[in-house]
Amino acid sequence: MTDQEARLRTRMKEIISDPEFPVLTAAVGVLKDGKVAFADALGWKQLGGQAATGDTKYRIASISKLVTAIGVWQLIEQGKIDPNRDVSDYLGFSLRNPAWPQVPVTVKMLMSHTSSVRDGGIPGSYNIPYGYPISDFFTEGSPYYNPNCWAPAEEVPGMYFTYCNMNYCLLGTVVEAVTGQRFDKYMREHIFNPLGLTCSYHVASMAEEVQNQVGTLYRKLN
């Protein structure tokens, strides 16, 4: 182990053992000249169980939006998606802010969180159970309609920024519409496999030995 690697590991130990904000595990990867120069993890993959290693896989939460954007831009480069086109043309239903029905919501607006769509301030409000279309989130009278799914009426789509998970749920639906493939399968075939990455938007689709490398996701309750 080099001096630099030793200092990096020391700093990682300091981070995960911070008495005010302790964390279960931390992982660091360093690339040099296009190659992995250092990869390691400290802490626990499972609380009271297996220790984390450089091969431990982590759920990356909203960083996955960046990866989704890569998939969308790949399709833009292929001419299959127009970033300035009305996203309703791809979704198969009309996505319009009721306060601004004349303003099309575009793919670019979804990608930049300026669509005026918002999660509505309800935890998990962008989740719809299997078997229900995403349009139910925006359809009044549906069991999953959220009356707060749009920004305040004075905010014009394209001019108002609000970070919103649903924007990227909609982009995943656009990918499915233009490719005819389920989103996680498209991303695995066209993004992850060509890069040699063993990861997925759907953990259960990975091989069992790969699933066993995934760190357990915990939520602090107190």
Protein backbone atom coordinates (compact mmCIF):
# COMPACT_ATOMS: atom_id res chain seq x y z
CA MET A 1 0.00 0.00 0.00
CA THR A 2 1.39 3.39 -0.99
CA ASP A 3 1.50 6.41 1.32
CA GLN A 4 -1.30 8.03 -0.70
CA GLU A 5 -3.48 4.93 -0.36
CA ALA A 6 -2.79 4.79 3.38
CA ARG A 7 -3.79 8.45 3.78
CA LEU A 8 -6.95 7.82 1.78
CA ARG A 9 -7.93 4.88 3.97
CA THR A 10 -7.25 6.95 7.10
CA ARG A 11 -9.53 9.68 5.80
CA MET A 12 -12.23 7.13 5.00
CA LYS A 13 -12.04 5.82 8.57
CA GLU A 14 -12.46 9.35 9.88
CA ILE A 15 -15.54 9.85 7.73
CA ILE A 16 -17.40 6.68 8.71
CA SER A 17 -16.54 7.05 12.41
CA ASP A 18 -17.57 10.71 12.69
CA PRO A 19 -19.37 10.80 16.08
CA GLU A 20 -21.94 13.32 14.86
CA PHE A 21 -22.73 11.73 11.48
CA PRO A 22 -21.58 8.09 11.57
CA VAL A 23 -22.16 6.00 8.47
CA LEU A 24 -22.24 2.26 7.99
CA THR A 25 -19.79 2.14 5.09
CA ALA A 26 -17.83 4.21 2.62
CA ALA A 27 -16.28 3.32 -0.72
CA VAL A 28 -13.75 5.11 -2.90
CA GLY A 29 -12.59 4.46 -6.43
CA VAL A 30 -9.73 6.32 -8.12
CA LEU A 31 -9.17 6.34 -11.87
CA LYS A 32 -5.80 7.20 -13.42
CA ASP A 33 -5.12 7.18 -17.15
CA GLY A 34 -8.45 5.47 -17.73
CA LYS A 35 -7.72 2.61 -15.35
CA VAL A 36 -8.73 1.81 -11.78
CA ALA A 37 -5.76 2.81 -9.64
CA PHE A 38 -7.44 2.29 -6.27
CA ALA A 39 -10.71 0.79 -5.09
CA ASP A 40 -11.57 -0.01 -1.52
CA ALA A 41 -14.34 0.16 1.04
CA LEU A 42 -14.54 0.33 4.80
CA GLY A 43 -17.36 -0.54 7.15
CA TRP A 44 -20.09 -3.11 6.69
CA LYS A 45 -22.02 -4.36 3.70
CA GLN A 46 -24.58 -5.70 6.16
CA LEU A 47 -25.04 -4.47 9.69
CA GLY A 48 -23.53 -7.04 12.03
CA GLY A 49 -22.64 -9.22 9.06
CA GLN A 50 -20.29 -9.03 6.11
CA ALA A 51 -17.64 -6.34 5.81
CA ALA A 52 -17.70 -4.08 2.76
CA THR A 53 -14.99 -4.59 0.13
CA GLY A 54 -13.90 -2.95 -3.09
CA ASP A 55 -16.37 -5.22 -4.89
CA THR A 56 -19.39 -4.17 -2.80
CA LYS A 57 -22.13 -2.61 -4.93
CA TYR A 58 -24.21 0.28 -3.66
CA ARG A 59 -27.57 1.71 -4.62
CA ILE A 60 -26.78 5.13 -6.04
CA ALA A 61 -30.24 6.69 -5.66
CA SER A 62 -30.62 9.94 -7.58
CA ILE A 63 -27.21 9.65 -9.23
CA SER A 64 -29.08 7.20 -11.46
CA LYS A 65 -30.73 10.24 -13.09
CA LEU A 66 -27.36 11.07 -14.66
CA VAL A 67 -27.20 7.56 -16.09
CA THR A 68 -30.78 7.84 -17.37
CA ALA A 69 -29.78 11.07 -19.12
CA ILE A 70 -26.93 9.21 -20.85
CA GLY A 71 -29.45 6.69 -22.20
CA VAL A 72 -31.78 9.45 -23.38
CA TRP A 73 -28.96 11.36 -25.10
CA GLN A 74 -27.84 8.20 -26.84
CA LEU A 75 -31.30 8.03 -28.39
CA ILE A 76 -31.18 11.75 -29.19
CA GLU A 77 -27.90 11.21 -31.08
CA GLN A 78 -29.58 8.37 -33.00
CA GLY A 79 -32.43 10.71 -33.98
CA LYS A 80 -35.02 8.67 -32.10
CA ILE A 81 -35.78 11.40 -29.55
CA ASP A 82 -36.05 15.13 -30.20
CA PRO A 83 -35.21 17.01 -26.97
CA ASN A 84 -37.40 19.95 -28.03
CA ARG A 85 -40.43 17.88 -28.99
CA ASP A 86 -43.64 17.75 -27.00
CA VAL A 87 -43.11 14.79 -24.70
CA SER A 88 -46.80 13.91 -25.04
CA ASP A 89 -46.00 12.63 -28.53
CA TYR A 90 -43.80 9.94 -27.00
CA LEU A 91 -45.82 9.20 -23.87
CA GLY A 92 -49.10 8.54 -25.66
CA PHE A 93 -51.09 10.83 -23.38
CA SER A 94 -51.29 14.59 -22.99
CA LEU A 95 -48.91 15.93 -20.38
CA ARG A 96 -49.91 19.54 -19.81
CA ASN A 97 -49.77 21.82 -16.81
CA PRO A 98 -53.48 22.68 -16.32
CA ALA A 99 -52.53 26.32 -15.70
CA TRP A 100 -50.57 26.43 -18.99
CA PRO A 101 -52.37 24.08 -21.41
CA GLN A 102 -50.91 25.89 -24.43
CA VAL A 103 -47.28 25.29 -23.35
CA PRO A 104 -45.85 21.91 -24.45
CA VAL A 105 -43.72 20.05 -21.92
CA THR A 106 -40.58 18.92 -23.74
CA VAL A 107 -38.01 16.20 -23.20
CA LYS A 108 -35.45 18.88 -22.41
CA MET A 109 -37.69 20.31 -19.69
CA LEU A 110 -37.95 16.90 -18.04
CA MET A 111 -34.18 16.44 -18.17
CA SER A 112 -33.51 19.87 -16.66
CA HIS A 113 -36.27 19.74 -14.00
CA THR A 114 -38.04 22.72 -15.56
CA SER A 115 -41.16 20.85 -16.73
CA SER A 116 -43.20 22.28 -13.80
CA VAL A 117 -43.98 18.68 -12.76
CA ARG A 118 -43.23 18.10 -9.10
CA ASP A 119 -43.44 15.18 -6.69
CA GLY A 120 -46.05 16.93 -4.61
CA GLY A 121 -44.31 16.89 -1.25
CA ILE A 122 -45.64 13.45 -0.34
CA PRO A 123 -42.94 10.81 0.39
CA GLY A 124 -43.08 8.12 -2.27
CA SER A 125 -45.64 10.09 -4.26
CA TYR A 126 -43.83 9.33 -7.53
CA ASN A 127 -44.30 5.57 -7.07
CA ILE A 128 -47.15 3.82 -8.85
CA PRO A 129 -47.77 0.08 -8.31
CA TYR A 130 -47.14 -2.40 -11.09
CA GLY A 131 -50.01 -2.62 -13.55
CA TYR A 132 -50.99 1.05 -13.43
CA PRO A 133 -49.89 3.47 -16.17
CA ILE A 134 -47.81 6.52 -15.30
CA SER A 135 -50.61 8.66 -16.75
CA ASP A 136 -52.65 7.83 -13.62
CA PHE A 137 -50.39 10.16 -11.67
CA PHE A 138 -51.73 13.07 -13.75
CA THR A 139 -55.31 11.90 -14.36
CA GLU A 140 -57.91 13.36 -12.06
CA GLY A 141 -60.12 10.64 -10.64
CA SER A 142 -57.46 7.92 -10.76
CA PRO A 143 -56.46 6.36 -7.40
CA TYR A 144 -52.91 7.71 -7.81
CA TYR A 145 -53.73 11.21 -8.96
CA ASN A 146 -51.81 13.82 -6.98
CA PRO A 147 -53.43 17.27 -7.05
CA ASN A 148 -50.07 18.78 -6.12
CA CYS A 149 -48.21 17.23 -9.05
CA TRP A 150 -47.81 20.63 -10.74
CA ALA A 151 -45.91 23.72 -9.64
CA PRO A 152 -47.87 26.85 -8.59
CA ALA A 153 -50.07 28.21 -11.37
CA GLU A 154 -47.95 31.32 -11.87
CA GLU A 155 -44.86 29.25 -12.76
CA VAL A 156 -44.47 28.73 -16.52
CA PRO A 157 -43.19 25.33 -17.77
CA GLY A 158 -39.67 25.78 -19.04
CA MET A 159 -39.05 28.80 -16.82
CA TYR A 160 -39.40 27.28 -13.35
CA PHE A 161 -36.94 24.86 -11.73
CA THR A 162 -37.95 22.31 -9.12
CA TYR A 163 -36.10 19.05 -8.55
CA CYS A 164 -38.50 16.22 -9.25
CA ASN A 165 -38.11 12.44 -9.36
CA MET A 166 -41.18 12.06 -11.56
CA ASN A 167 -39.38 13.87 -14.41
CA TYR A 168 -37.07 10.89 -14.76
CA CYS A 169 -39.86 8.34 -14.34
CA LEU A 170 -41.41 10.03 -17.39
CA LEU A 171 -38.10 9.95 -19.28
CA GLY A 172 -37.83 6.22 -18.60
CA THR A 173 -41.31 5.85 -20.09
CA VAL A 174 -40.16 7.81 -23.17
CA VAL A 175 -37.22 5.42 -23.59
CA GLU A 176 -39.61 2.47 -23.45
CA ALA A 177 -41.94 4.10 -25.99
CA VAL A 178 -39.27 4.76 -28.62
CA THR A 179 -37.30 1.51 -28.18
CA GLY A 180 -40.06 -1.01 -27.45
CA GLN A 181 -37.93 -2.33 -24.57
CA ARG A 182 -38.48 -2.22 -20.84
CA PHE A 183 -36.34 0.60 -19.47
CA ASP A 184 -34.02 -1.49 -17.29
CA LYS A 185 -33.43 -3.97 -20.12
CA TYR A 186 -32.65 -1.20 -22.61
CA MET A 187 -30.15 0.39 -20.22
CA ARG A 188 -28.45 -2.92 -19.49
CA GLU A 189 -28.15 -3.82 -23.19
CA HIS A 190 -27.13 -0.42 -24.55
CA ILE A 191 -25.32 1.30 -21.66
CA PHE A 192 -24.13 -1.10 -18.96
CA ASN A 193 -23.07 -4.15 -20.99
CA PRO A 194 -21.01 -2.16 -23.53
CA LEU A 195 -19.19 -0.52 -20.60
CA GLY A 196 -18.59 -3.86 -18.90
CA LEU A 197 -20.66 -2.85 -15.87
CA THR A 198 -22.49 -5.42 -13.76
CA CYS A 199 -25.29 -3.21 -12.50
CA SER A 200 -28.97 -2.68 -13.14
CA TYR A 201 -32.00 -0.50 -12.49
CA HIS A 202 -33.66 -3.75 -11.37
CA VAL A 203 -31.55 -5.57 -8.77
CA ALA A 204 -33.47 -8.84 -9.11
CA SER A 205 -32.48 -9.08 -12.77
CA MET A 206 -28.79 -9.48 -11.92
CA ALA A 207 -27.12 -12.85 -11.39
CA GLU A 208 -27.36 -14.19 -7.84
CA GLU A 209 -23.64 -13.84 -7.20
CA VAL A 210 -23.82 -10.19 -8.24
CA GLN A 211 -26.88 -9.58 -6.06
CA ASN A 212 -24.89 -10.94 -3.14
CA GLN A 213 -22.38 -8.14 -3.62
CA VAL A 214 -25.03 -5.44 -3.06
CA GLY A 215 -24.86 -3.58 0.24
CA THR A 216 -28.01 -3.58 2.33
CA LEU A 217 -29.97 -0.33 2.27
CA TYR A 218 -30.83 0.99 5.72
CA ARG A 219 -32.99 3.84 6.93
CA LYS A 220 -32.35 5.63 10.20
CA LEU A 221 -35.54 5.68 12.25
CA ASN A 222 -34.44 7.83 15.20
